[in-house]
N, C-alpha and C. Protein backbone atom coordinates (compact mmCIF):
# COMPACT_ATOMS: atom_id res chain seq x y z
N UNK A 1 -6.10 11.20 -9.60
CA UNK A 1 -5.55 10.83 -8.33
C UNK A 1 -4.29 11.64 -8.07
N UNK A 2 -4.32 12.40 -6.98
CA UNK A 2 -3.14 13.17 -6.68
C UNK A 2 -2.11 12.33 -5.87
N UNK A 3 -0.88 12.73 -6.05
CA UNK A 3 0.21 12.06 -5.33
C UNK A 3 0.72 12.96 -4.24
N UNK A 4 0.46 12.68 -2.98
CA UNK A 4 0.89 13.59 -1.90
C UNK A 4 2.36 13.67 -1.74
N UNK A 5 3.14 12.78 -2.37
CA UNK A 5 4.60 12.75 -2.25
C UNK A 5 5.29 13.36 -3.46
N UNK A 6 4.54 13.93 -4.39
CA UNK A 6 5.11 14.48 -5.61
C UNK A 6 5.79 15.82 -5.38
N UNK A 7 5.43 16.47 -4.28
CA UNK A 7 5.99 17.79 -3.97
C UNK A 7 6.81 17.69 -2.68
N UNK A 8 8.03 18.22 -2.73
CA UNK A 8 8.86 18.22 -1.50
C UNK A 8 8.35 19.24 -0.50
N UNK A 9 8.58 18.97 0.79
CA UNK A 9 8.21 19.97 1.79
C UNK A 9 8.93 21.27 1.55
N UNK A 10 8.36 22.38 1.92
CA UNK A 10 8.97 23.67 1.64
C UNK A 10 10.34 23.89 2.32
N UNK A 11 10.61 23.15 3.37
CA UNK A 11 11.89 23.26 4.07
C UNK A 11 12.90 22.21 3.66
N UNK A 12 12.65 21.50 2.62
CA UNK A 12 13.59 20.40 2.20
C UNK A 12 14.91 21.04 1.79
N UNK A 13 15.98 20.38 2.24
CA UNK A 13 17.31 20.96 1.95
C UNK A 13 18.07 20.18 0.88
N UNK A 14 17.52 19.10 0.40
CA UNK A 14 18.16 18.36 -0.67
C UNK A 14 17.15 18.15 -1.81
N UNK A 15 17.65 17.94 -3.03
CA UNK A 15 16.80 17.68 -4.17
C UNK A 15 16.71 16.18 -4.41
N UNK A 16 15.58 15.67 -4.72
CA UNK A 16 15.39 14.24 -5.00
C UNK A 16 15.68 13.99 -6.48
N UNK A 17 16.55 13.01 -6.75
CA UNK A 17 16.87 12.66 -8.14
C UNK A 17 15.87 11.58 -8.64
N UNK A 18 15.36 11.72 -9.82
CA UNK A 18 14.44 10.67 -10.33
C UNK A 18 15.18 9.36 -10.48
N UNK A 19 14.50 8.25 -10.31
CA UNK A 19 15.11 6.97 -10.45
C UNK A 19 14.13 5.96 -11.05
N UNK A 20 14.61 4.85 -11.50
CA UNK A 20 13.78 3.85 -12.12
C UNK A 20 14.01 2.53 -11.39
N UNK A 21 12.94 1.84 -11.14
CA UNK A 21 12.97 0.52 -10.47
C UNK A 21 12.59 -0.54 -11.52
N UNK A 22 13.38 -1.55 -11.59
CA UNK A 22 13.08 -2.68 -12.51
C UNK A 22 12.81 -3.94 -11.69
N UNK A 23 11.56 -4.38 -11.75
CA UNK A 23 11.20 -5.59 -11.03
C UNK A 23 10.77 -6.64 -12.07
N UNK A 24 11.34 -7.82 -12.03
CA UNK A 24 11.00 -8.86 -13.02
C UNK A 24 9.49 -9.14 -12.99
N UNK A 25 8.93 -9.34 -14.19
CA UNK A 25 7.46 -9.61 -14.28
C UNK A 25 7.10 -10.85 -13.49
N UNK A 26 7.99 -11.85 -13.45
CA UNK A 26 7.71 -13.06 -12.70
C UNK A 26 7.50 -12.75 -11.19
N UNK A 27 8.24 -11.81 -10.62
CA UNK A 27 8.10 -11.40 -9.25
C UNK A 27 6.79 -10.68 -9.02
N UNK A 28 6.39 -9.83 -9.95
CA UNK A 28 5.12 -9.14 -9.86
C UNK A 28 3.95 -10.10 -9.96
N UNK A 29 4.04 -11.09 -10.85
CA UNK A 29 2.96 -12.10 -10.97
C UNK A 29 2.88 -12.91 -9.70
N UNK A 30 4.01 -13.25 -9.09
CA UNK A 30 3.96 -13.99 -7.84
C UNK A 30 3.35 -13.18 -6.71
N UNK A 31 3.68 -11.87 -6.64
CA UNK A 31 3.10 -11.01 -5.65
C UNK A 31 1.57 -10.94 -5.78
N UNK A 32 1.07 -10.82 -7.00
CA UNK A 32 -0.36 -10.80 -7.21
C UNK A 32 -1.03 -12.08 -6.79
N UNK A 33 -0.42 -13.24 -7.05
CA UNK A 33 -0.97 -14.51 -6.59
C UNK A 33 -1.02 -14.57 -5.08
N UNK A 34 0.04 -14.16 -4.42
CA UNK A 34 0.09 -14.11 -2.96
C UNK A 34 -1.00 -13.23 -2.43
N UNK A 35 -1.14 -12.00 -2.98
CA UNK A 35 -2.14 -11.07 -2.49
C UNK A 35 -3.55 -11.62 -2.68
N UNK A 36 -3.81 -12.25 -3.84
CA UNK A 36 -5.16 -12.80 -4.11
C UNK A 36 -5.51 -13.86 -3.12
N UNK A 37 -4.52 -14.61 -2.62
CA UNK A 37 -4.78 -15.74 -1.71
C UNK A 37 -4.58 -15.38 -0.23
N UNK A 38 -4.25 -14.13 0.01
CA UNK A 38 -4.04 -13.68 1.40
C UNK A 38 -5.41 -13.64 2.13
N UNK A 39 -5.46 -14.25 3.27
CA UNK A 39 -6.70 -14.22 4.06
C UNK A 39 -6.79 -12.93 4.84
N UNK A 40 -7.94 -12.27 4.72
CA UNK A 40 -8.20 -11.08 5.49
C UNK A 40 -8.71 -11.53 6.87
N UNK A 41 -8.23 -10.92 7.93
CA UNK A 41 -8.68 -11.35 9.25
C UNK A 41 -10.22 -11.19 9.40
N UNK A 42 -10.82 -12.09 10.15
CA UNK A 42 -12.26 -11.97 10.42
C UNK A 42 -12.49 -10.72 11.28
N UNK A 43 -13.68 -10.19 11.22
CA UNK A 43 -13.98 -9.00 12.00
C UNK A 43 -14.00 -9.36 13.46
N UNK A 44 -13.28 -8.56 14.23
CA UNK A 44 -13.22 -8.73 15.67
C UNK A 44 -13.47 -7.41 16.31
N UNK A 45 -13.62 -7.37 17.61
CA UNK A 45 -13.80 -6.12 18.32
C UNK A 45 -12.62 -5.18 18.08
N UNK A 46 -11.42 -5.72 18.12
CA UNK A 46 -10.23 -4.89 18.02
C UNK A 46 -10.04 -4.31 16.55
N UNK A 47 -10.33 -5.12 15.54
CA UNK A 47 -10.05 -4.65 14.16
C UNK A 47 -11.22 -3.97 13.52
N UNK A 48 -12.30 -3.66 14.27
CA UNK A 48 -13.44 -3.02 13.67
C UNK A 48 -13.62 -1.59 14.12
N UNK A 49 -12.70 -1.07 14.92
CA UNK A 49 -12.82 0.29 15.43
C UNK A 49 -12.50 1.33 14.36
N UNK A 50 -13.11 2.50 14.48
CA UNK A 50 -12.84 3.57 13.55
C UNK A 50 -11.60 4.37 13.93
N UNK A 51 -11.06 4.13 15.11
CA UNK A 51 -9.82 4.75 15.57
C UNK A 51 -8.75 3.69 15.70
N UNK A 52 -8.02 3.39 14.58
CA UNK A 52 -7.05 2.27 14.61
C UNK A 52 -5.94 2.48 15.63
N UNK A 53 -5.68 3.75 16.03
CA UNK A 53 -4.60 3.97 17.00
C UNK A 53 -4.96 3.32 18.35
N UNK A 54 -6.22 3.01 18.55
CA UNK A 54 -6.63 2.37 19.80
C UNK A 54 -6.20 0.93 19.86
N UNK A 55 -6.36 0.19 18.70
CA UNK A 55 -6.16 -1.23 18.74
C UNK A 55 -5.27 -1.74 17.59
N UNK A 56 -4.67 -0.84 16.79
CA UNK A 56 -3.87 -1.29 15.68
C UNK A 56 -4.62 -1.16 14.35
N UNK A 57 -4.18 -1.93 13.37
CA UNK A 57 -4.69 -1.84 12.04
C UNK A 57 -6.15 -2.46 11.95
N UNK A 58 -6.99 -1.79 11.25
CA UNK A 58 -8.39 -2.26 11.14
C UNK A 58 -8.51 -3.28 9.98
N UNK A 59 -9.55 -4.06 10.04
CA UNK A 59 -9.84 -5.03 8.99
C UNK A 59 -10.02 -4.30 7.64
N UNK A 60 -10.69 -3.14 7.70
CA UNK A 60 -10.92 -2.34 6.47
C UNK A 60 -9.60 -1.93 5.86
N UNK A 61 -8.61 -1.60 6.70
CA UNK A 61 -7.29 -1.20 6.16
C UNK A 61 -6.67 -2.35 5.41
N UNK A 62 -6.78 -3.56 5.95
CA UNK A 62 -6.20 -4.76 5.23
C UNK A 62 -6.91 -4.92 3.87
N UNK A 63 -8.20 -4.76 3.82
CA UNK A 63 -8.94 -4.92 2.60
C UNK A 63 -8.49 -3.87 1.55
N UNK A 64 -8.41 -2.60 1.98
CA UNK A 64 -8.01 -1.55 1.08
C UNK A 64 -6.60 -1.66 0.63
N UNK A 65 -5.71 -2.08 1.54
CA UNK A 65 -4.29 -2.21 1.17
C UNK A 65 -4.13 -3.33 0.13
N UNK A 66 -4.80 -4.46 0.31
CA UNK A 66 -4.71 -5.56 -0.65
C UNK A 66 -5.22 -5.10 -2.01
N UNK A 67 -6.33 -4.42 -2.05
CA UNK A 67 -6.90 -3.98 -3.33
C UNK A 67 -5.96 -2.95 -4.00
N UNK A 68 -5.36 -2.05 -3.26
CA UNK A 68 -4.44 -1.08 -3.86
C UNK A 68 -3.22 -1.82 -4.50
N UNK A 69 -2.68 -2.81 -3.76
CA UNK A 69 -1.55 -3.56 -4.30
C UNK A 69 -1.90 -4.36 -5.55
N UNK A 70 -3.13 -4.90 -5.52
CA UNK A 70 -3.56 -5.70 -6.71
C UNK A 70 -3.78 -4.81 -7.91
N UNK A 71 -4.22 -3.57 -7.69
CA UNK A 71 -4.49 -2.65 -8.81
C UNK A 71 -3.30 -1.76 -9.13
N UNK A 72 -2.20 -1.84 -8.38
CA UNK A 72 -1.07 -0.95 -8.59
C UNK A 72 -0.46 -1.15 -10.00
N UNK A 73 -0.21 -0.06 -10.66
CA UNK A 73 0.42 -0.08 -12.01
C UNK A 73 1.91 0.15 -11.89
N UNK A 74 2.70 -0.89 -11.99
CA UNK A 74 4.14 -0.82 -11.85
C UNK A 74 4.81 -0.12 -13.03
N UNK A 75 4.10 0.13 -14.06
CA UNK A 75 4.73 0.66 -15.28
C UNK A 75 4.35 2.10 -15.60
N UNK A 76 3.87 2.86 -14.59
CA UNK A 76 3.57 4.25 -14.82
C UNK A 76 4.84 5.04 -14.90
């Protein structure tokens, strides 16, 4: 899996310093519980379009976003 944000744009004028984020395990566990119980909107005319710029976020986007957050590895 490539990370599109791993390389700075060629015209960047500042250097990014590496940093570490420390999130308590209890908060991560709570986030996973919330995500698992989040209701995905039912399919509607507006959220089923292949061009989300027409009507906003699609139902498929919600499903994929939730799955990504549930599978995210905070310790990489």
